[in-house]
């Protein structure tokens, strides 16, 4: 099965930023590479944001490939731009859950953008119904939308799909990640991310990355702190410039190991909020704590619901249940909340009795806000 090389995918993910629905010159320039067949392409508009912050602009391109990609459809989506940053971030901020076009729980903001482009994608696929394969590509927000597109193409059109994302956030809950991985195959999901890029760290659990089970292509960062530079598409292109997919090994982060999470929670090490591992450990610890309390309760997080506050409220209820009903969980929840409070610069609770519903809610809400702000700052810095 034919893959785009890491550099080919990275170049397309970067170059699509220049394309706008009304700018034919930019589209022609984008399509000038030998990878595309001449005369068979469509620029797509998307609606981004919600309520008062709502706009429409060029968001992606559908095109037919040439050469080794002859009769392959290539769909590329852009990430956040300076011009439409407010609308894009309004979409990002909609971190509730709704049912996708394939009936699975996904991020409501990303899904809204994808649905606004679906008529264009459908029309292009009808015109190219004999296509042998579809390649879906995107950076950042564009990677999230590419993930939804890959899922829809695989389920609705029954076409083989390759998915390539760079620095993409989490798109859906476990049922979505598992079904997507099963449909298109773990080996066909090329999720590339830098260790210090904050965007792939959001939204927090219960949102998860595909492939599941499996891992993305983790690239060590030269930066030691959460970094805007690590999110830049130019940096991703540089990181994969001479690599093949086999070179970019799929890596399991240390914090996926259960005993490592226990040691993290027991440790007295002072946490550095600028260190990306801090947020990765906290995210892994949240999942570990919730699953230790009970699989059945955690499953309630993967049903369809709306609103970030609802997500936090459900997690708080599970933590309270664990502290009240399950032996030893009071101590683990206390350790976990102490770690978060320390990382956030808050006054640290000394006893589990201090962990009221109001305090748990405030701390977890602040954690969501802090991690989202880090990602937003990284994107703002690279778009000017």
Protein backbone atom coordinates (compact mmCIF):
# COMPACT_ATOMS: atom_id res chain seq x y z
CA UNK A 1 0.00 0.00 0.00
CA UNK A 2 1.40 3.40 -1.01
CA UNK A 3 2.19 5.94 1.72
CA UNK A 4 3.09 9.57 1.31
CA UNK A 5 6.57 9.99 2.73
CA UNK A 6 6.86 11.89 6.04
CA UNK A 7 8.33 14.90 4.20
CA UNK A 8 5.67 14.86 1.46
CA UNK A 9 2.91 14.80 4.09
CA UNK A 10 4.62 17.53 6.13
CA UNK A 11 5.07 19.80 3.10
CA UNK A 12 1.40 19.47 2.18
CA UNK A 13 0.33 20.15 5.76
CA UNK A 14 2.39 23.35 5.73
CA UNK A 15 1.66 24.58 2.21
CA UNK A 16 -2.13 24.30 2.53
CA UNK A 17 -2.09 27.32 4.86
CA UNK A 18 -1.61 29.53 1.79
CA UNK A 19 -4.78 28.33 0.08
CA UNK A 20 -7.98 30.32 0.25
CA UNK A 21 -11.22 29.65 -1.57
CA UNK A 22 -11.12 33.02 -3.32
CA UNK A 23 -7.42 32.93 -4.19
CA UNK A 24 -7.03 30.87 -7.37
CA UNK A 25 -3.35 31.75 -7.66
CA UNK A 26 -2.63 30.27 -4.23
CA UNK A 27 -4.55 27.13 -5.10
CA UNK A 28 -2.73 26.77 -8.41
CA UNK A 29 0.58 27.24 -6.63
CA UNK A 30 -0.32 24.59 -4.06
CA UNK A 31 -1.24 22.15 -6.83
CA UNK A 32 1.86 22.81 -8.92
CA UNK A 33 3.85 19.98 -7.34
CA UNK A 34 4.24 16.75 -9.28
CA UNK A 35 2.29 14.88 -6.61
CA UNK A 36 -1.00 16.24 -7.98
CA UNK A 37 -2.80 15.56 -11.26
CA UNK A 38 -3.60 18.78 -13.11
CA UNK A 39 -7.17 20.01 -13.32
CA UNK A 40 -8.76 17.88 -10.62
CA UNK A 41 -8.94 19.73 -7.33
CA UNK A 42 -11.33 21.64 -5.11
CA UNK A 43 -10.66 24.22 -2.40
CA UNK A 44 -13.01 23.94 0.56
CA UNK A 45 -14.52 26.52 2.87
CA UNK A 46 -15.38 25.78 6.49
CA UNK A 47 -17.44 27.48 9.16
CA UNK A 48 -15.35 27.97 12.29
CA UNK A 49 -16.27 29.22 15.75
CA UNK A 50 -19.74 29.47 17.24
CA UNK A 51 -22.35 32.05 18.24
CA UNK A 52 -20.96 35.58 17.82
CA UNK A 53 -17.46 34.33 16.90
CA UNK A 54 -18.30 32.64 13.64
CA UNK A 55 -16.68 32.97 10.24
CA UNK A 56 -16.21 31.18 6.94
CA UNK A 57 -12.92 30.80 5.08
CA UNK A 58 -10.72 28.50 3.05
CA UNK A 59 -9.82 25.51 5.18
CA UNK A 60 -8.64 22.73 2.91
CA UNK A 61 -8.14 21.15 -0.49
CA UNK A 62 -9.33 17.93 -2.15
CA UNK A 63 -7.14 16.89 -5.08
CA UNK A 64 -6.34 13.91 -7.26
CA UNK A 65 -2.83 12.51 -7.12
CA UNK A 66 -0.50 11.65 -9.98
CA UNK A 67 2.46 9.34 -10.58
CA UNK A 68 2.61 6.68 -7.86
CA UNK A 69 -0.45 8.40 -6.36
CA UNK A 70 -2.50 8.20 -9.56
CA UNK A 71 -6.19 7.71 -8.81
CA UNK A 72 -5.57 8.48 -5.14
CA UNK A 73 -7.50 11.33 -3.50
CA UNK A 74 -5.47 13.63 -1.24
CA UNK A 75 -7.38 15.79 1.28
CA UNK A 76 -5.40 18.40 3.23
CA UNK A 77 -6.67 20.67 6.03
CA UNK A 78 -5.04 23.76 7.50
CA UNK A 79 -4.51 24.58 11.16
CA UNK A 80 -5.18 27.88 12.91
CA UNK A 81 -4.28 31.05 10.97
CA UNK A 82 -3.64 34.59 12.14
CA UNK A 83 -6.62 35.95 10.21
CA UNK A 84 -9.12 33.50 11.69
CA UNK A 85 -7.52 32.76 15.05
CA UNK A 86 -10.58 33.94 17.01
CA UNK A 87 -12.95 31.69 15.12
CA UNK A 88 -10.56 28.75 15.16
CA UNK A 89 -10.03 29.04 18.90
CA UNK A 90 -13.75 29.39 19.50
CA UNK A 91 -14.05 26.00 17.79
CA UNK A 92 -11.20 24.57 19.87
CA UNK A 93 -12.83 25.85 23.05
CA UNK A 94 -16.03 23.93 22.38
CA UNK A 95 -14.72 20.87 24.20
CA UNK A 96 -18.03 19.17 24.76
CA UNK A 97 -18.91 15.93 23.01
CA UNK A 98 -21.40 15.09 20.30
CA UNK A 99 -22.01 12.18 17.95
CA UNK A 100 -19.92 12.15 14.80
CA UNK A 101 -21.18 11.39 11.30
CA UNK A 102 -20.17 7.79 12.03
CA UNK A 103 -22.17 7.75 15.30
CA UNK A 104 -19.20 7.98 17.69
CA UNK A 105 -18.43 10.48 20.51
CA UNK A 106 -16.12 13.28 19.31
CA UNK A 107 -15.11 16.88 20.07
CA UNK A 108 -18.05 19.13 19.24
CA UNK A 109 -15.96 22.02 17.86
CA UNK A 110 -13.81 19.91 15.54
CA UNK A 111 -16.88 18.01 14.38
CA UNK A 112 -18.70 21.24 13.48
CA UNK A 113 -15.83 22.30 11.21
CA UNK A 114 -15.72 18.89 9.53
CA UNK A 115 -19.48 18.81 8.98
CA UNK A 116 -19.37 22.22 7.31
CA UNK A 117 -16.93 20.83 4.71
CA UNK A 118 -18.54 17.44 4.27
CA UNK A 119 -20.71 18.46 1.27
CA UNK A 120 -17.56 19.55 -0.60
CA UNK A 121 -15.77 16.32 0.31
CA UNK A 122 -18.77 14.23 -0.74
CA UNK A 123 -19.06 16.05 -4.07
CA UNK A 124 -15.38 15.56 -4.84
CA UNK A 125 -15.52 11.89 -3.93
CA UNK A 126 -18.57 11.37 -6.16
CA UNK A 127 -16.61 12.89 -9.05
CA UNK A 128 -13.72 10.55 -8.25
CA UNK A 129 -15.67 7.48 -7.19
CA UNK A 130 -13.09 5.10 -8.68
CA UNK A 131 -10.33 6.39 -6.40
CA UNK A 132 -8.22 3.57 -5.03
CA UNK A 133 -7.21 5.26 -1.78
CA UNK A 134 -7.69 8.46 0.22
CA UNK A 135 -4.90 10.29 2.08
CA UNK A 136 -6.07 12.68 4.86
CA UNK A 137 -3.49 15.20 6.12
CA UNK A 138 -3.40 18.08 8.59
CA UNK A 139 -1.42 20.05 11.15
CA UNK A 140 -2.82 21.15 14.52
CA UNK A 141 -6.56 21.90 14.16
CA UNK A 142 -6.27 20.60 10.59
CA UNK A 143 -5.03 17.27 11.96
CA UNK A 144 -8.15 16.97 14.11
CA UNK A 145 -10.38 17.58 11.09
CA UNK A 146 -8.31 15.18 8.96
CA UNK A 147 -8.91 12.50 11.59
CA UNK A 148 -12.68 12.97 11.34
CA UNK A 149 -12.45 12.93 7.55
CA UNK A 150 -10.46 9.67 7.60
CA UNK A 151 -13.06 8.05 9.83
CA UNK A 152 -15.94 9.17 7.60
CA UNK A 153 -14.28 8.10 4.35
CA UNK A 154 -13.46 4.68 5.73
CA UNK A 155 -16.90 4.05 7.19
CA UNK A 156 -19.13 5.70 4.58
CA UNK A 157 -17.20 5.13 1.34
CA UNK A 158 -15.39 1.93 2.31
CA UNK A 159 -12.17 3.29 0.79
CA UNK A 160 -8.69 2.45 2.10
CA UNK A 161 -7.41 5.44 4.07
CA UNK A 162 -4.03 6.78 5.19
CA UNK A 163 -4.10 9.42 7.95
CA UNK A 164 -1.16 11.78 8.56
CA UNK A 165 -1.31 14.36 11.37
CA UNK A 166 1.29 16.70 12.87
CA UNK A 167 0.84 18.22 16.34
CA UNK A 168 -2.88 17.41 16.38
CA UNK A 169 -5.07 17.64 19.50
CA UNK A 170 -7.19 14.75 20.74
CA UNK A 171 -10.34 14.33 18.66
CA UNK A 172 -12.67 11.90 20.41
CA UNK A 173 -13.33 9.51 23.25
CA UNK A 174 -12.15 5.90 23.47
CA UNK A 175 -14.97 4.42 21.34
CA UNK A 176 -14.01 6.78 18.50
CA UNK A 177 -10.26 6.15 18.77
CA UNK A 178 -10.71 2.38 18.92
CA UNK A 179 -13.20 2.20 16.04
CA UNK A 180 -11.09 4.48 13.84
CA UNK A 181 -8.00 2.36 14.56
CA UNK A 182 -9.89 -0.81 13.74
CA UNK A 183 -11.45 0.58 10.56
CA UNK A 184 -8.37 1.98 8.87
CA UNK A 185 -5.68 0.00 10.67
CA UNK A 186 -3.18 1.13 13.30
CA UNK A 187 -0.32 1.09 10.79
CA UNK A 188 -2.23 3.53 8.56
CA UNK A 189 -2.46 6.20 11.27
CA UNK A 190 0.70 8.34 11.18
CA UNK A 191 0.35 10.68 14.16
CA UNK A 192 3.53 12.74 14.49
CA UNK A 193 4.12 14.92 17.54
CA UNK A 194 7.02 16.63 19.30
CA UNK A 195 7.50 15.81 22.97
CA UNK A 196 7.28 19.50 23.97
CA UNK A 197 4.34 20.46 21.73
CA UNK A 198 1.45 21.39 24.07
CA UNK A 199 -1.33 21.00 21.50
CA UNK A 200 -1.36 17.16 21.45
CA UNK A 201 -1.78 17.31 25.25
CA UNK A 202 -5.33 18.70 24.94
CA UNK A 203 -8.18 18.20 25.58
CA UNK A 204 -7.52 16.16 28.74
CA UNK A 205 -8.98 12.71 29.39
CA UNK A 206 -11.58 11.36 28.54
CA UNK A 207 -10.40 12.60 25.11
CA UNK A 208 -7.73 10.25 23.75
CA UNK A 209 -5.51 9.87 20.69
CA UNK A 210 -5.71 7.28 17.95
CA UNK A 211 -4.30 4.80 17.26
CA UNK A 212 -5.77 2.83 20.13
CA UNK A 213 -4.30 0.45 20.98
CA UNK A 214 -0.95 1.70 19.72
CA UNK A 215 1.23 4.78 19.78
CA UNK A 216 2.02 7.78 17.64
CA UNK A 217 5.38 8.80 16.20
CA UNK A 218 6.91 10.67 19.14
CA UNK A 219 9.80 12.93 18.14
CA UNK A 220 12.12 14.08 20.96
CA UNK A 221 12.33 17.85 21.18
CA UNK A 222 15.42 19.99 21.39
CA UNK A 223 13.47 22.26 23.75
CA UNK A 224 13.27 21.24 27.41
CA UNK A 225 10.06 23.17 28.10
CA UNK A 226 6.56 23.36 26.65
CA UNK A 227 7.33 25.22 23.47
CA UNK A 228 5.65 27.20 20.74
CA UNK A 229 8.54 26.29 18.45
CA UNK A 230 7.71 22.61 18.91
CA UNK A 231 4.26 23.21 17.40
CA UNK A 232 5.47 25.07 14.31
CA UNK A 233 4.79 23.14 11.10
CA UNK A 234 8.19 24.23 9.79
CA UNK A 235 9.79 22.47 12.78
CA UNK A 236 7.81 19.31 12.01
CA UNK A 237 8.94 19.39 8.39
CA UNK A 238 12.55 19.80 9.53
CA UNK A 239 12.19 16.93 12.01
CA UNK A 240 11.03 14.45 9.33
CA UNK A 241 13.06 15.86 6.44
CA UNK A 242 15.24 12.78 5.89
CA UNK A 243 13.11 10.17 7.66
CA UNK A 244 11.00 7.26 6.48
CA UNK A 245 8.00 6.05 8.46
CA UNK A 246 10.05 3.10 9.69
CA UNK A 247 12.66 5.58 10.98
CA UNK A 248 9.99 7.38 12.99
CA UNK A 249 9.47 4.61 15.51
CA UNK A 250 6.19 4.49 17.39
CA UNK A 251 7.09 5.11 21.02
CA UNK A 252 5.29 4.34 24.26
CA UNK A 253 5.83 7.17 26.77
CA UNK A 254 7.15 6.09 30.16
CA UNK A 255 4.04 7.37 31.91
CA UNK A 256 1.84 4.71 30.30
CA UNK A 257 3.37 2.12 32.67
CA UNK A 258 1.20 1.55 35.75
CA UNK A 259 3.97 1.21 38.32
CA UNK A 260 5.64 4.34 36.91
CA UNK A 261 2.43 6.33 37.55
CA UNK A 262 2.34 5.01 41.13
CA UNK A 263 5.93 6.11 41.67
CA UNK A 264 5.16 9.54 40.23
CA UNK A 265 2.23 10.01 42.62
CA UNK A 266 4.31 8.85 45.60
CA UNK A 267 7.33 10.99 44.73
CA UNK A 268 8.20 14.22 46.52
CA UNK A 269 9.76 15.75 43.42
CA UNK A 270 8.79 19.37 42.82
CA UNK A 271 6.95 19.68 39.53
CA UNK A 272 8.02 22.18 36.90
CA UNK A 273 4.95 23.57 35.06
CA UNK A 274 7.19 24.49 32.12
CA UNK A 275 8.21 20.85 31.66
CA UNK A 276 5.86 19.06 29.23
CA UNK A 277 6.34 15.81 31.14
CA UNK A 278 4.53 17.38 34.09
CA UNK A 279 1.28 17.64 32.13
CA UNK A 280 1.75 14.22 30.53
CA UNK A 281 2.23 12.63 33.97
CA UNK A 282 -0.86 14.40 35.34
CA UNK A 283 -2.95 13.27 32.40
CA UNK A 284 -1.75 9.67 32.77
CA UNK A 285 -2.35 9.83 36.53
CA UNK A 286 -5.93 10.99 36.03
CA UNK A 287 -6.63 8.00 33.80
CA UNK A 288 -4.91 5.64 36.27
CA UNK A 289 -6.92 7.02 39.22
CA UNK A 290 -10.24 6.80 37.38
CA UNK A 291 -9.66 3.25 36.21
CA UNK A 292 -8.52 2.22 39.70
CA UNK A 293 -11.85 3.48 41.03
CA UNK A 294 -13.81 1.39 38.56
CA UNK A 295 -14.12 0.60 34.86
CA UNK A 296 -17.92 0.83 34.96
CA UNK A 297 -17.80 4.35 36.33
CA UNK A 298 -15.15 5.44 33.83
CA UNK A 299 -17.37 4.10 31.05
CA UNK A 300 -19.90 6.80 31.90
CA UNK A 301 -17.34 9.36 30.70
CA UNK A 302 -17.50 7.83 27.23
CA UNK A 303 -21.20 8.37 26.69
CA UNK A 304 -22.41 11.39 24.71
CA UNK A 305 -22.64 14.57 26.76
CA UNK A 306 -22.08 18.26 26.18
CA UNK A 307 -19.90 20.88 27.80
CA UNK A 308 -16.47 21.02 29.45
CA UNK A 309 -18.12 21.69 32.81
CA UNK A 310 -20.05 18.43 32.48
CA UNK A 311 -16.81 16.54 31.87
CA UNK A 312 -15.21 18.03 34.99
CA UNK A 313 -18.39 17.42 37.04
CA UNK A 314 -18.44 13.74 36.06
CA UNK A 315 -14.78 13.29 36.95
CA UNK A 316 -15.36 14.98 40.33
CA UNK A 317 -18.26 12.65 41.11
CA UNK A 318 -16.10 9.61 40.30
CA UNK A 319 -13.25 10.90 42.48
CA UNK A 320 -15.65 11.53 45.37
CA UNK A 321 -17.12 8.05 45.00
CA UNK A 322 -13.64 6.54 45.07
CA UNK A 323 -12.66 8.42 48.22
CA UNK A 324 -15.86 7.42 50.02
CA UNK A 325 -16.39 3.83 48.90
CA UNK A 326 -13.05 2.23 47.94
CA UNK A 327 -10.28 1.32 50.34
CA UNK A 328 -7.02 3.24 49.88
CA UNK A 329 -8.44 5.50 47.15
CA UNK A 330 -8.66 8.49 49.48
CA UNK A 331 -4.87 8.54 49.70
CA UNK A 332 -4.34 8.15 45.95
CA UNK A 333 -6.82 10.92 45.12
CA UNK A 334 -5.14 13.19 47.67
CA UNK A 335 -1.71 12.55 46.14
CA UNK A 336 -3.09 13.23 42.66
CA UNK A 337 -4.76 16.49 43.65
CA UNK A 338 -1.64 17.61 45.53
CA UNK A 339 0.40 17.11 42.34
CA UNK A 340 -2.04 19.19 40.29
CA UNK A 341 -2.20 21.96 42.90
CA UNK A 342 1.59 22.12 43.07
CA UNK A 343 1.92 22.28 39.28
CA UNK A 344 -0.70 25.03 39.11
CA UNK A 345 0.88 27.08 41.90
CA UNK A 346 -2.14 26.66 44.19
CA UNK A 347 -2.17 26.17 47.95
CA UNK A 348 -1.76 22.40 48.38
CA UNK A 349 -4.34 20.44 50.38
CA UNK A 350 -2.84 18.61 53.36
CA UNK A 351 -5.64 16.09 53.98
CA UNK A 352 -8.29 14.29 51.94
CA UNK A 353 -10.96 15.93 54.10
CA UNK A 354 -10.07 19.25 52.49
CA UNK A 355 -11.01 17.89 49.06
CA UNK A 356 -14.58 19.11 48.92
CA UNK A 357 -16.60 18.91 45.73
CA UNK A 358 -16.11 22.64 45.21
CA UNK A 359 -12.31 22.38 45.59
CA UNK A 360 -12.04 19.33 43.33
CA UNK A 361 -14.08 21.11 40.68
CA UNK A 362 -12.02 24.30 40.93
CA UNK A 363 -8.70 22.48 40.66
CA UNK A 364 -9.71 20.32 37.70
CA UNK A 365 -11.30 23.27 35.91
CA UNK A 366 -8.09 25.26 36.40
CA UNK A 367 -6.10 22.31 35.03
CA UNK A 368 -8.22 22.32 31.85
CA UNK A 369 -7.84 26.09 31.51
CA UNK A 370 -4.06 25.97 32.09
CA UNK A 371 -3.38 23.23 29.54
CA UNK A 372 -5.63 24.85 26.95
CA UNK A 373 -3.92 28.21 27.52
CA UNK A 374 -0.50 26.63 26.94
CA UNK A 375 -1.68 25.22 23.62
CA UNK A 376 -3.30 28.51 22.62
CA UNK A 377 -0.12 30.40 23.50
CA UNK A 378 1.96 28.08 21.34
CA UNK A 379 -0.30 28.57 18.34
CA UNK A 380 -0.51 32.34 18.87
CA UNK A 381 3.27 32.59 18.96
CA UNK A 382 3.80 30.82 15.66
CA UNK A 383 1.07 32.67 13.75
CA UNK A 384 2.22 36.06 14.97
